[in-house]
PDB file of N, CA and C in Angstrom:
ATOM      1  N   MET A   1      41.979 -34.257 -90.585  1.00  0.00           N
ATOM      2  CA  MET A   1      42.374 -32.913 -90.217  1.00  0.00           C
ATOM      3  C   MET A   1      43.793 -32.958 -89.646  1.00  0.00           C
ATOM      4  N   ASP A   2      44.628 -32.055 -90.113  1.00  0.00           N
ATOM      5  CA  ASP A   2      46.018 -31.983 -89.656  1.00  0.00           C
ATOM      6  C   ASP A   2      46.088 -31.336 -88.280  1.00  0.00           C
ATOM      7  N   ASP A   3      47.089 -31.737 -87.521  1.00  0.00           N
ATOM      8  CA  ASP A   3      47.362 -31.089 -86.246  1.00  0.00           C
ATOM      9  C   ASP A   3      48.007 -29.743 -86.561  1.00  0.00           C
ATOM     10  N   VAL A   4      47.349 -28.667 -86.163  1.00  0.00           N
ATOM     11  CA  VAL A   4      47.803 -27.324 -86.502  1.00  0.00           C
ATOM     12  C   VAL A   4      49.196 -27.038 -85.963  1.00  0.00           C
ATOM     13  N   TYR A   5      49.575 -27.702 -84.869  1.00  0.00           N
ATOM     14  CA  TYR A   5      50.896 -27.491 -84.284  1.00  0.00           C
ATOM     15  C   TYR A   5      52.005 -28.125 -85.116  1.00  0.00           C
ATOM     16  N   MET A   6      51.646 -29.038 -85.966  1.00  0.00           N
ATOM     17  CA  MET A   6      52.630 -29.713 -86.806  1.00  0.00           C
ATOM     18  C   MET A   6      52.842 -28.983 -88.134  1.00  0.00           C
ATOM     19  N   LEU A   7      51.998 -28.015 -88.442  1.00  0.00           N
ATOM     20  CA  LEU A   7      52.092 -27.290 -89.704  1.00  0.00           C
ATOM     21  C   LEU A   7      53.043 -26.105 -89.580  1.00  0.00           C
ATOM     22  N   ALA A   8      53.732 -25.799 -90.657  1.00  0.00           N
ATOM     23  CA  ALA A   8      54.587 -24.614 -90.707  1.00  0.00           C
ATOM     24  C   ALA A   8      53.701 -23.370 -90.759  1.00  0.00           C
ATOM     25  N   ASP A   9      54.235 -22.262 -90.277  1.00  0.00           N
ATOM     26  CA  ASP A   9      53.478 -21.009 -90.269  1.00  0.00           C
ATOM     27  C   ASP A   9      53.003 -20.629 -91.668  1.00  0.00           C
ATOM     28  N   ALA A  10      53.864 -20.793 -92.665  1.00  0.00           N
ATOM     29  CA  ALA A  10      53.508 -20.444 -94.037  1.00  0.00           C
ATOM     30  C   ALA A  10      52.331 -21.278 -94.535  1.00  0.00           C
ATOM     31  N   VAL A  11      52.286 -22.535 -94.139  1.00  0.00           N
ATOM     32  CA  VAL A  11      51.180 -23.415 -94.550  1.00  0.00           C
ATOM     33  C   VAL A  11      49.875 -22.964 -93.891  1.00  0.00           C
ATOM     34  N   ILE A  12      49.956 -22.621 -92.621  1.00  0.00           N
ATOM     35  CA  ILE A  12      48.758 -22.146 -91.901  1.00  0.00           C
ATOM     36  C   ILE A  12      48.227 -20.878 -92.551  1.00  0.00           C
ATOM     37  N   LEU A  13      49.122 -19.926 -92.818  1.00  0.00           N
ATOM     38  CA  LEU A  13      48.706 -18.667 -93.441  1.00  0.00           C
ATOM     39  C   LEU A  13      48.127 -18.892 -94.827  1.00  0.00           C
ATOM     40  N   SER A  14      48.734 -19.795 -95.584  1.00  0.00           N
ATOM     41  CA  SER A  14      48.239 -20.106 -96.924  1.00  0.00           C
ATOM     42  C   SER A  14      46.832 -20.710 -96.864  1.00  0.00           C
ATOM     43  N   ARG A  15      46.605 -21.602 -95.905  1.00  0.00           N
ATOM     44  CA  ARG A  15      45.282 -22.217 -95.770  1.00  0.00           C
ATOM     45  C   ARG A  15      44.236 -21.188 -95.334  1.00  0.00           C
ATOM     46  N   ILE A  16      44.613 -20.286 -94.426  1.00  0.00           N
ATOM     47  CA  ILE A  16      43.681 -19.240 -93.998  1.00  0.00           C
ATOM     48  C   ILE A  16      43.306 -18.370 -95.183  1.00  0.00           C
ATOM     49  N   GLY A  17      44.306 -17.963 -95.955  1.00  0.00           N
ATOM     50  CA  GLY A  17      44.041 -17.151 -97.142  1.00  0.00           C
ATOM     51  C   GLY A  17      43.145 -17.860 -98.136  1.00  0.00           C
ATOM     52  N   GLY A  18      43.399 -19.149 -98.331  1.00  0.00           N
ATOM     53  CA  GLY A  18      42.563 -19.935 -99.247  1.00  0.00           C
ATOM     54  C   GLY A  18      41.124 -20.040 -98.774  1.00  0.00           C
ATOM     55  N   HIS A  19      40.939 -20.200 -97.469  1.00  0.00           N
ATOM     56  CA  HIS A  19      39.577 -20.277 -96.924  1.00  0.00           C
ATOM     57  C   HIS A  19      38.844 -18.936 -97.072  1.00  0.00           C
ATOM     58  N   LEU A  20      39.576 -17.841 -96.880  1.00  0.00           N
ATOM     59  CA  LEU A  20      38.952 -16.528 -97.059  1.00  0.00           C
ATOM     60  C   LEU A  20      38.557 -16.306 -98.519  1.00  0.00           C
ATOM     61  N   LYS A  21      39.426 -16.717 -99.439  1.00  0.00           N
ATOM     62  CA  LYS A  21      39.103 -16.584-100.856  1.00  0.00           C
ATOM     63  C   LYS A  21      37.881 -17.430-101.213  1.00  0.00           C
ATOM     64  N   ALA A  22      37.835 -18.651-100.691  1.00  0.00           N
ATOM     65  CA  ALA A  22      36.687 -19.524-100.963  1.00  0.00           C
ATOM     66  C   ALA A  22      35.403 -18.934-100.392  1.00  0.00           C
ATOM     67  N   ALA A  23      35.477 -18.341 -99.203  1.00  0.00           N
ATOM     68  CA  ALA A  23      34.292 -17.717 -98.602  1.00  0.00           C
ATOM     69  C   ALA A  23      33.829 -16.539 -99.446  1.00  0.00           C
ATOM     70  N   ARG A  24      34.783 -15.758 -99.950  1.00  0.00           N
ATOM     71  CA  ARG A  24      34.433 -14.618-100.810  1.00  0.00           C
ATOM     72  C   ARG A  24      33.747 -15.092-102.081  1.00  0.00           C
ATOM     73  N   LEU A  25      34.284 -16.151-102.689  1.00  0.00           N
ATOM     74  CA  LEU A  25      33.708 -16.663-103.932  1.00  0.00           C
ATOM     75  C   LEU A  25      32.331 -17.291-103.698  1.00  0.00           C
ATOM     76  N   ARG A  26      32.162 -17.986-102.569  1.00  0.00           N
ATOM     77  CA  ARG A  26      30.843 -18.560-102.251  1.00  0.00           C
ATOM     78  C   ARG A  26      29.781 -17.467-102.110  1.00  0.00           C
ATOM     79  N   GLN A  27      30.214 -16.310-101.610  1.00  0.00           N
ATOM     80  CA  GLN A  27      29.285 -15.187-101.434  1.00  0.00           C
ATOM     81  C   GLN A  27      29.182 -14.337-102.699  1.00  0.00           C
ATOM     82  N   ASN A  28      29.900 -14.762-103.772  1.00  0.00           N
ATOM     83  CA  ASN A  28      29.862 -14.097-105.066  1.00  0.00           C
ATOM     84  C   ASN A  28      30.260 -12.619-104.966  1.00  0.00           C
ATOM     85  N   ILE A  29      31.358 -12.364-104.275  1.00  0.00           N
ATOM     86  CA  ILE A  29      31.863 -11.011-104.077  1.00  0.00           C
ATOM     87  C   ILE A  29      33.184 -10.882-104.821  1.00  0.00           C
ATOM     88  N   THR A  30      33.349  -9.799-105.552  1.00  0.00           N
ATOM     89  CA  THR A  30      34.618  -9.566-106.235  1.00  0.00           C
ATOM     90  C   THR A  30      35.661  -9.091-105.227  1.00  0.00           C
ATOM     91  N   GLN A  31      36.917  -9.250-105.597  1.00  0.00           N
ATOM     92  CA  GLN A  31      37.990  -8.778-104.724  1.00  0.00           C
ATOM     93  C   GLN A  31      37.879  -7.270-104.487  1.00  0.00           C
ATOM     94  N   GLN A  32      37.577  -6.543-105.539  1.00  0.00           N
ATOM     95  CA  GLN A  32      37.494  -5.083-105.415  1.00  0.00           C
ATOM     96  C   GLN A  32      36.368  -4.660-104.479  1.00  0.00           C
ATOM     97  N   SER A  33      35.193  -5.290-104.605  1.00  0.00           N
ATOM     98  CA  SER A  33      34.085  -4.890-103.734  1.00  0.00           C
ATOM     99  C   SER A  33      34.332  -5.303-102.281  1.00  0.00           C
ATOM    100  N   LEU A  34      34.995  -6.443-102.061  1.00  0.00           N
ATOM    101  CA  LEU A  34      35.326  -6.832-100.691  1.00  0.00           C
ATOM    102  C   LEU A  34      36.356  -5.880-100.098  1.00  0.00           C
ATOM    103  N   ALA A  35      37.350  -5.526-100.894  1.00  0.00           N
ATOM    104  CA  ALA A  35      38.369  -4.581-100.424  1.00  0.00           C
ATOM    105  C   ALA A  35      37.732  -3.248-100.060  1.00  0.00           C
ATOM    106  N   ASP A  36      36.830  -2.766-100.894  1.00  0.00           N
ATOM    107  CA  ASP A  36      36.143  -1.499-100.615  1.00  0.00           C
ATOM    108  C   ASP A  36      35.302  -1.589 -99.348  1.00  0.00           C
ATOM    109  N   ALA A  37      34.540  -2.671 -99.228  1.00  0.00           N
ATOM    110  CA  ALA A  37      33.661  -2.834 -98.063  1.00  0.00           C
ATOM    111  C   ALA A  37      34.459  -3.000 -96.769  1.00  0.00           C
ATOM    112  N   ALA A  38      35.610  -3.655 -96.856  1.00  0.00           N
ATOM    113  CA  ALA A  38      36.431  -3.884 -95.671  1.00  0.00           C
ATOM    114  C   ALA A  38      37.331  -2.692 -95.352  1.00  0.00           C
ATOM    115  N   GLY A  39      37.457  -1.776 -96.279  1.00  0.00           N
ATOM    116  CA  GLY A  39      38.309  -0.614 -96.053  1.00  0.00           C
ATOM    117  C   GLY A  39      39.792  -0.937 -96.156  1.00  0.00           C
ATOM    118  N   VAL A  40      40.126  -1.896 -97.023  1.00  0.00           N
ATOM    119  CA  VAL A  40      41.530  -2.234 -97.256  1.00  0.00           C
ATOM    120  C   VAL A  40      41.812  -2.063 -98.746  1.00  0.00           C
ATOM    121  N   SER A  41      43.072  -1.962 -99.093  1.00  0.00           N
ATOM    122  CA  SER A  41      43.416  -1.826-100.503  1.00  0.00           C
ATOM    123  C   SER A  41      43.254  -3.169-101.214  1.00  0.00           C
ATOM    124  N   LEU A  42      43.080  -3.097-102.507  1.00  0.00           N
ATOM    125  CA  LEU A  42      42.937  -4.310-103.315  1.00  0.00           C
ATOM    126  C   LEU A  42      44.202  -5.155-103.214  1.00  0.00           C
ATOM    127  N   SER A  43      45.358  -4.511-103.224  1.00  0.00           N
ATOM    128  CA  SER A  43      46.614  -5.275-103.132  1.00  0.00           C
ATOM    129  C   SER A  43      46.737  -5.972-101.770  1.00  0.00           C
ATOM    130  N   SER A  44      46.251  -5.319-100.706  1.00  0.00           N
ATOM    131  CA  SER A  44      46.269  -5.965 -99.382  1.00  0.00           C
ATOM    132  C   SER A  44      45.379  -7.195 -99.366  1.00  0.00           C
ATOM    133  N   LEU A  45      44.199  -7.089 -99.960  1.00  0.00           N
ATOM    134  CA  LEU A  45      43.284  -8.223-100.005  1.00  0.00           C
ATOM    135  C   LEU A  45      43.887  -9.368-100.806  1.00  0.00           C
ATOM    136  N   LYS A  46      44.513  -9.060-101.929  1.00  0.00           N
ATOM    137  CA  LYS A  46      45.143 -10.109-102.744  1.00  0.00           C
ATOM    138  C   LYS A  46      46.241 -10.816-101.951  1.00  0.00           C
ATOM    139  N   LYS A  47      47.018 -10.052-101.196  1.00  0.00           N
ATOM    140  CA  LYS A  47      48.068 -10.649-100.369  1.00  0.00           C
ATOM    141  C   LYS A  47      47.472 -11.537 -99.283  1.00  0.00           C
ATOM    142  N   ILE A  48      46.398 -11.072 -98.642  1.00  0.00           N
ATOM    143  CA  ILE A  48      45.744 -11.862 -97.592  1.00  0.00           C
ATOM    144  C   ILE A  48      45.252 -13.186 -98.163  1.00  0.00           C
ATOM    145  N   GLU A  49      44.655 -13.147 -99.357  1.00  0.00           N
ATOM    146  CA  GLU A  49      44.150 -14.369 -99.986  1.00  0.00           C
ATOM    147  C   GLU A  49      45.280 -15.312-100.400  1.00  0.00           C
ATOM    148  N   LYS A  50      46.486 -14.780-100.574  1.00  0.00           N
ATOM    149  CA  LYS A  50      47.649 -15.628-100.877  1.00  0.00           C
ATOM    150  C   LYS A  50      48.293 -16.164 -99.608  1.00  0.00           C
ATOM    151  N   GLY A  51      47.836 -15.684 -98.451  1.00  0.00           N
ATOM    152  CA  GLY A  51      48.416 -16.119 -97.193  1.00  0.00           C
ATOM    153  C   GLY A  51      49.502 -15.194 -96.686  1.00  0.00           C
ATOM    154  N   GLU A  52      49.608 -14.039 -97.275  1.00  0.00           N
ATOM    155  CA  GLU A  52      50.589 -13.046 -96.845  1.00  0.00           C
ATOM    156  C   GLU A  52      49.879 -12.004 -95.980  1.00  0.00           C
ATOM    157  N   ILE A  53      49.562 -12.395 -94.764  1.00  0.00           N
ATOM    158  CA  ILE A  53      48.794 -11.530 -93.864  1.00  0.00           C
ATOM    159  C   ILE A  53      49.782 -10.630 -93.131  1.00  0.00           C
ATOM    160  N   GLY A  54      49.953  -9.420 -93.639  1.00  0.00           N
ATOM    161  CA  GLY A  54      50.913  -8.494 -93.067  1.00  0.00           C
ATOM    162  C   GLY A  54      50.318  -7.609 -91.991  1.00  0.00           C
ATOM    163  N   SER A  55      49.030  -7.343 -92.085  1.00  0.00           N
ATOM    164  CA  SER A  55      48.371  -6.450 -91.128  1.00  0.00           C
ATOM    165  C   SER A  55      47.211  -7.191 -90.474  1.00  0.00           C
ATOM    166  N   PHE A  56      47.298  -7.348 -89.164  1.00  0.00           N
ATOM    167  CA  PHE A  56      46.220  -8.020 -88.445  1.00  0.00           C
ATOM    168  C   PHE A  56      44.937  -7.205 -88.523  1.00  0.00           C
ATOM    169  N   ASP A  57      45.060  -5.891 -88.541  1.00  0.00           N
ATOM    170  CA  ASP A  57      43.897  -5.010 -88.652  1.00  0.00           C
ATOM    171  C   ASP A  57      43.147  -5.264 -89.964  1.00  0.00           C
ATOM    172  N   SER A  58      43.880  -5.347 -91.045  1.00  0.00           N
ATOM    173  CA  SER A  58      43.251  -5.627 -92.350  1.00  0.00           C
ATOM    174  C   SER A  58      42.616  -7.008 -92.361  1.00  0.00           C
ATOM    175  N   PHE A  59      43.301  -7.969 -91.765  1.00  0.00           N
ATOM    176  CA  PHE A  59      42.773  -9.330 -91.661  1.00  0.00           C
ATOM    177  C   PHE A  59      41.449  -9.334 -90.907  1.00  0.00           C
ATOM    178  N   LEU A  60      41.382  -8.612 -89.780  1.00  0.00           N
ATOM    179  CA  LEU A  60      40.134  -8.522 -89.007  1.00  0.00           C
ATOM    180  C   LEU A  60      39.022  -7.871 -89.813  1.00  0.00           C
ATOM    181  N   ARG A  61      39.349  -6.838 -90.550  1.00  0.00           N
ATOM    182  CA  ARG A  61      38.336  -6.147 -91.366  1.00  0.00           C
ATOM    183  C   ARG A  61      37.744  -7.079 -92.422  1.00  0.00           C
ATOM    184  N   VAL A  62      38.614  -7.870 -93.046  1.00  0.00           N
ATOM    185  CA  VAL A  62      38.146  -8.814 -94.070  1.00  0.00           C
ATOM    186  C   VAL A  62      37.276  -9.895 -93.428  1.00  0.00           C
ATOM    187  N   LEU A  63      37.724 -10.436 -92.290  1.00  0.00           N
ATOM    188  CA  LEU A  63      36.915 -11.434 -91.581  1.00  0.00           C
ATOM    189  C   LEU A  63      35.536 -10.882 -91.227  1.00  0.00           C
ATOM    190  N   ARG A  64      35.511  -9.659 -90.695  1.00  0.00           N
ATOM    191  CA  ARG A  64      34.242  -9.039 -90.294  1.00  0.00           C
ATOM    192  C   ARG A  64      33.315  -8.855 -91.501  1.00  0.00           C
ATOM    193  N   THR A  65      33.880  -8.384 -92.599  1.00  0.00           N
ATOM    194  CA  THR A  65      33.065  -8.126 -93.789  1.00  0.00           C
ATOM    195  C   THR A  65      32.511  -9.412 -94.380  1.00  0.00           C
ATOM    196  N   LEU A  66      33.286 -10.493 -94.312  1.00  0.00           N
ATOM    197  CA  LEU A  66      32.821 -11.782 -94.822  1.00  0.00           C
ATOM    198  C   LEU A  66      31.893 -12.504 -93.848  1.00  0.00           C
ATOM    199  N   GLY A  67      31.736 -11.963 -92.640  1.00  0.00           N
ATOM    200  CA  GLY A  67      30.896 -12.618 -91.640  1.00  0.00           C
ATOM    201  C   GLY A  67      31.590 -13.816 -91.006  1.00  0.00           C
ATOM    202  N   LYS A  68      32.908 -13.802 -90.956  1.00  0.00           N
ATOM    203  CA  LYS A  68      33.682 -14.926 -90.429  1.00  0.00           C
ATOM    204  C   LYS A  68      34.434 -14.566 -89.143  1.00  0.00           C
ATOM    205  N   LEU A  69      34.089 -13.473 -88.525  1.00  0.00           N
ATOM    206  CA  LEU A  69      34.791 -13.026 -87.324  1.00  0.00           C
ATOM    207  C   LEU A  69      34.579 -13.980 -86.153  1.00  0.00           C
ATOM    208  N   ASP A  70      33.523 -14.791 -86.219  1.00  0.00           N
ATOM    209  CA  ASP A  70      33.227 -15.721 -85.127  1.00  0.00           C
ATOM    210  C   ASP A  70      34.303 -16.790 -84.940  1.00  0.00           C
ATOM    211  N   VAL A  71      35.190 -16.975 -85.908  1.00  0.00           N
ATOM    212  CA  VAL A  71      36.265 -17.950 -85.729  1.00  0.00           C
ATOM    213  C   VAL A  71      37.239 -17.519 -84.636  1.00  0.00           C
ATOM    214  N   LEU A  72      37.220 -16.246 -84.293  1.00  0.00           N
ATOM    215  CA  LEU A  72      38.091 -15.736 -83.231  1.00  0.00           C
ATOM    216  C   LEU A  72      37.396 -15.665 -81.879  1.00  0.00           C
ATOM    217  N   GLN A  73      36.156 -16.110 -81.803  1.00  0.00           N
ATOM    218  CA  GLN A  73      35.377 -16.027 -80.565  1.00  0.00           C
ATOM    219  C   GLN A  73      36.080 -16.632 -79.347  1.00  0.00           C
ATOM    220  N   PRO A  74      36.693 -17.802 -79.461  1.00  0.00           N
ATOM    221  CA  PRO A  74      37.374 -18.363 -78.277  1.00  0.00           C
ATOM    222  C   PRO A  74      38.500 -17.476 -77.742  1.00  0.00           C
ATOM    223  N   LEU A  75      39.083 -16.666 -78.611  1.00  0.00           N
ATOM    224  CA  LEU A  75      40.159 -15.786 -78.165  1.00  0.00           C
ATOM    225  C   LEU A  75      39.637 -14.525 -77.487  1.00  0.00           C
ATOM    226  N   VAL A  76      38.370 -14.214 -77.707  1.00  0.00           N
ATOM    227  CA  VAL A  76      37.781 -12.994 -77.165  1.00  0.00           C
ATOM    228  C   VAL A  76      37.010 -13.258 -75.874  1.00  0.00           C
ATOM    229  N   ASP A  77      36.469 -14.466 -75.730  1.00  0.00           N
ATOM    230  CA  ASP A  77      35.665 -14.801 -74.554  1.00  0.00           C
ATOM    231  C   ASP A  77      36.494 -14.769 -73.282  1.00  0.00           C
ATOM    232  N   ASP A  78      35.836 -14.360 -72.192  1.00  0.00           N
ATOM    233  CA  ASP A  78      36.468 -14.422 -70.882  1.00  0.00           C
ATOM    234  C   ASP A  78      36.507 -15.868 -70.426  1.00  0.00           C
ATOM    235  N   GLU A  79      37.525 -16.190 -69.654  1.00  0.00           N
ATOM    236  CA  GLU A  79      37.647 -17.541 -69.134  1.00  0.00           C
ATOM    237  C   GLU A  79      36.555 -17.784 -68.098  1.00  0.00           C
ATOM    238  N   GLN A  80      35.893 -18.921 -68.207  1.00  0.00           N
ATOM    239  CA  GLN A  80      34.813 -19.261 -67.287  1.00  0.00           C
ATOM    240  C   GLN A  80      35.383 -19.904 -66.023  1.00  0.00           C
ATOM    241  N   LEU A  81      34.900 -19.456 -64.879  1.00  0.00           N
ATOM    242  CA  LEU A  81      35.319 -20.024 -63.599  1.00  0.00           C
ATOM    243  C   LEU A  81      34.340 -21.102 -63.166  1.00  0.00           C
ATOM    244  N   SER A  82      34.857 -22.099 -62.486  1.00  0.00           N
ATOM    245  CA  SER A  82      33.973 -23.102 -61.906  1.00  0.00           C
ATOM    246  C   SER A  82      33.269 -22.466 -60.708  1.00  0.00           C
ATOM    247  N   PRO A  83      32.150 -23.023 -60.251  1.00  0.00           N
ATOM    248  CA  PRO A  83      31.461 -22.446 -59.096  1.00  0.00           C
ATOM    249  C   PRO A  83      32.347 -22.326 -57.863  1.00  0.00           C
ATOM    250  N   SER A  84      33.186 -23.316 -57.618  1.00  0.00           N
ATOM    251  CA  SER A  84      34.057 -23.236 -56.435  1.00  0.00           C
ATOM    252  C   SER A  84      35.136 -22.171 -56.613  1.00  0.00           C
ATOM    253  N   GLU A  85      35.668 -22.028 -57.824  1.00  0.00           N
ATOM    254  CA  GLU A  85      36.653 -20.971 -58.090  1.00  0.00           C
ATOM    255  C   GLU A  85      36.027 -19.592 -57.907  1.00  0.00           C
ATOM    256  N   TYR A  86      34.796 -19.439 -58.393  1.00  0.00           N
ATOM    257  CA  TYR A  86      34.094 -18.164 -58.256  1.00  0.00           C
ATOM    258  C   TYR A  86      33.846 -17.847 -56.781  1.00  0.00           C
ATOM    259  N   TYR A  87      33.434 -18.838 -56.000  1.00  0.00           N
ATOM    260  CA  TYR A  87      33.175 -18.639 -54.571  1.00  0.00           C
ATOM    261  C   TYR A  87      34.448 -18.175 -53.864  1.00  0.00           C
ATOM    262  N   HIS A  88      35.554 -18.856 -54.133  1.00  0.00           N
ATOM    263  CA  HIS A  88      36.821 -18.491 -53.492  1.00  0.00           C
ATOM    264  C   HIS A  88      37.284 -17.098 -53.926  1.00  0.00           C
ATOM    265  N   LEU A  89      37.061 -16.747 -55.177  1.00  0.00           N
ATOM    266  CA  LEU A  89      37.427 -15.424 -55.664  1.00  0.00           C
ATOM    267  C   LEU A  89      36.626 -14.342 -54.958  1.00  0.00           C
ATOM    268  N   VAL A  90      35.314 -14.541 -54.837  1.00  0.00           N
ATOM    269  CA  VAL A  90      34.455 -13.562 -54.169  1.00  0.00           C
ATOM    270  C   VAL A  90      34.817 -13.450 -52.693  1.00  0.00           C
ATOM    271  N   GLN A  91      35.046 -14.578 -52.045  1.00  0.00           N
ATOM    272  CA  GLN A  91      35.386 -14.566 -50.625  1.00  0.00           C
ATOM    273  C   GLN A  91      36.716 -13.861 -50.379  1.00  0.00           C
ATOM    274  N   SER A  92      37.695 -14.102 -51.215  1.00  0.00           N
ATOM    275  CA  SER A  92      39.006 -13.471 -51.008  1.00  0.00           C
ATOM    276  C   SER A  92      38.933 -11.970 -51.259  1.00  0.00           C
ATOM    277  N   ASN A  93      38.126 -11.537 -52.225  1.00  0.00           N
ATOM    278  CA  ASN A  93      38.008 -10.103 -52.509  1.00  0.00           C
ATOM    279  C   ASN A  93      37.238  -9.372 -51.422  1.00  0.00           C
ATOM    280  N   THR A  94      36.190  -9.968 -50.874  1.00  0.00           N
ATOM    281  CA  THR A  94      35.420  -9.284 -49.831  1.00  0.00           C
ATOM    282  C   THR A  94      36.196  -9.241 -48.526  1.00  0.00           C
ATOM    283  N   ALA A  95      36.984 -10.250 -48.252  1.00  0.00           N
ATOM    284  CA  ALA A  95      37.765 -10.259 -47.012  1.00  0.00           C
ATOM    285  C   ALA A  95      38.883  -9.219 -47.064  1.00  0.00           C
ATOM    286  N   LYS A  96      39.484  -9.029 -48.206  1.00  0.00           N
ATOM    287  CA  LYS A  96      40.592  -8.087 -48.334  1.00  0.00           C
ATOM    288  C   LYS A  96      40.111  -6.635 -48.317  1.00  0.00           C
ATOM    289  N   HIS A  97      38.965  -6.389 -48.905  1.00  0.00           N
ATOM    290  CA  HIS A  97      38.539  -5.015 -49.121  1.00  0.00           C
ATOM    291  C   HIS A  97      37.396  -4.578 -48.212  1.00  0.00           C
ATOM    292  N   GLN A  98      37.178  -5.273 -47.137  1.00  0.00           N
ATOM    293  CA  GLN A  98      36.103  -4.888 -46.231  1.00  0.00           C
ATOM    294  C   GLN A  98      36.552  -3.668 -45.433  1.00  0.00           C
ATOM    295  N   ARG A  99      35.798  -2.610 -45.532  1.00  0.00           N
ATOM    296  CA  ARG A  99      36.162  -1.349 -44.912  1.00  0.00           C
ATOM    297  C   ARG A  99      35.888  -1.393 -43.420  1.00  0.00           C
ATOM    298  N   GLN A 100      36.854  -0.941 -42.626  1.00  0.00           N
ATOM    299  CA  GLN A 100      36.712  -0.960 -41.172  1.00  0.00           C
ATOM    300  C   GLN A 100      36.143   0.357 -40.647  1.00  0.00           C
ATOM    301  N   ARG A 101      36.689   1.477 -41.096  1.00  0.00           N
ATOM    302  CA  ARG A 101      36.189   2.785 -40.662  1.00  0.00           C
ATOM    303  C   ARG A 101      36.687   3.856 -41.617  1.00  0.00           C
ATOM    304  N   ALA A 102      36.093   5.016 -41.526  1.00  0.00           N
ATOM    305  CA  ALA A 102      36.501   6.149 -42.354  1.00  0.00           C
ATOM    306  C   ALA A 102      37.772   6.753 -41.789  1.00  0.00           C
ATOM    307  N   VAL A 103      38.583   7.348 -42.656  1.00  0.00           N
ATOM    308  CA  VAL A 103      39.833   7.927 -42.198  1.00  0.00           C
ATOM    309  C   VAL A 103      39.814   9.446 -42.170  1.00  0.00           C
ATOM    310  N   GLY A 104      39.071  10.043 -43.029  1.00  0.00           N
ATOM    311  CA  GLY A 104      39.095  11.507 -43.102  1.00  0.00           C
ATOM    312  C   GLY A 104      37.895  12.141 -42.448  1.00  0.00           C
ATOM    313  N   ARG A 105      37.966  13.450 -42.350  1.00  0.00           N
ATOM    314  CA  ARG A 105      36.845  14.227 -41.808  1.00  0.00           C
ATOM    315  C   ARG A 105      36.358  15.179 -42.879  1.00  0.00           C
ATOM    316  N   LEU A 106      35.110  15.535 -42.797  1.00  0.00           N
ATOM    317  CA  LEU A 106      34.515  16.473 -43.725  1.00  0.00           C
ATOM    318  C   LEU A 106      34.997  17.864 -43.383  1.00  0.00           C
ATOM    319  N   ASN A 107      35.525  18.557 -44.360  1.00  0.00           N
ATOM    320  CA  ASN A 107      36.048  19.898 -44.152  1.00  0.00           C
ATOM    321  C   ASN A 107      35.015  20.890 -44.658  1.00  0.00           C
ATOM    322  N   ASN A 108      34.272  21.529 -43.774  1.00  0.00           N
ATOM    323  CA  ASN A 108      33.207  22.454 -44.157  1.00  0.00           C
ATOM    324  C   ASN A 108      33.731  23.810 -44.584  1.00  0.00           C
ATOM    325  N   THR A 109      34.970  24.150 -44.334  1.00  0.00           N
ATOM    326  CA  THR A 109      35.491  25.470 -44.653  1.00  0.00           C
ATOM    327  C   THR A 109      35.741  25.654 -46.137  1.00  0.00           C
ATOM    328  N   ASP A 110      35.921  24.562 -46.888  1.00  0.00           N
ATOM    329  CA  ASP A 110      36.234  24.669 -48.306  1.00  0.00           C
ATOM    330  C   ASP A 110      35.000  24.684 -49.191  1.00  0.00           C
ATOM    331  N   LYS A 111      33.817  24.540 -48.637  1.00  0.00           N
ATOM    332  CA  LYS A 111      32.602  24.494 -49.457  1.00  0.00           C
ATOM    333  C   LYS A 111      32.204  25.870 -49.916  1.00  0.00           C
ATOM    334  N   GLU A 112      31.745  25.929 -51.152  1.00  0.00           N
ATOM    335  CA  GLU A 112      31.250  27.199 -51.695  1.00  0.00           C
ATOM    336  C   GLU A 112      29.787  27.336 -51.323  1.00  0.00           C
ATOM    337  N   GLU A 113      29.319  28.569 -51.202  1.00  0.00           N
ATOM    338  CA  GLU A 113      27.914  28.809 -50.924  1.00  0.00           C
ATOM    339  C   GLU A 113      27.114  28.558 -52.174  1.00  0.00           C
ATOM    340  N   SER A 114      25.992  27.918 -52.030  1.00  0.00           N
ATOM    341  CA  SER A 114      25.134  27.603 -53.145  1.00  0.00           C
ATOM    342  C   SER A 114      24.325  28.827 -53.547  1.00  0.00           C
ATOM    343  N   GLY A 115      24.100  28.982 -54.824  1.00  0.00           N
ATOM    344  CA  GLY A 115      23.323  30.100 -55.329  1.00  0.00           C
ATOM    345  C   GLY A 115      21.832  29.818 -55.359  1.00  0.00           C
ATOM    346  N   TRP A 116      21.410  28.722 -54.810  1.00  0.00           N
ATOM    347  CA  TRP A 116      20.003  28.334 -54.838  1.00  0.00           C
ATOM    348  C   TRP A 116      19.251  29.031 -53.799  1.00  0.00           C
TER     349      TRP A 116
END
């Protein structure tokens, strides 16, 4: 496996497009039916499969339709805190926001009479 940081952007995009095309063919889906199901134009899908990913939105739609959206899971997940980090976070938030007393008074003159 190549180090992704050593690859040129064009090579990465080309490989992504090739993998999407292979996934489509494994699922026995035509380009036209995938484009229709993903809500993208046929020409956009052809470009994506060539590695010319111009629209991230279209790319996401194709991934979702092929059932490959899980490859982006690490980018969507929240960062996990260690137990000690979580403890310090909770302690710092409760210490800063602990309410000492109320500042305002209830103004009874502005209340409307209830019709009940």
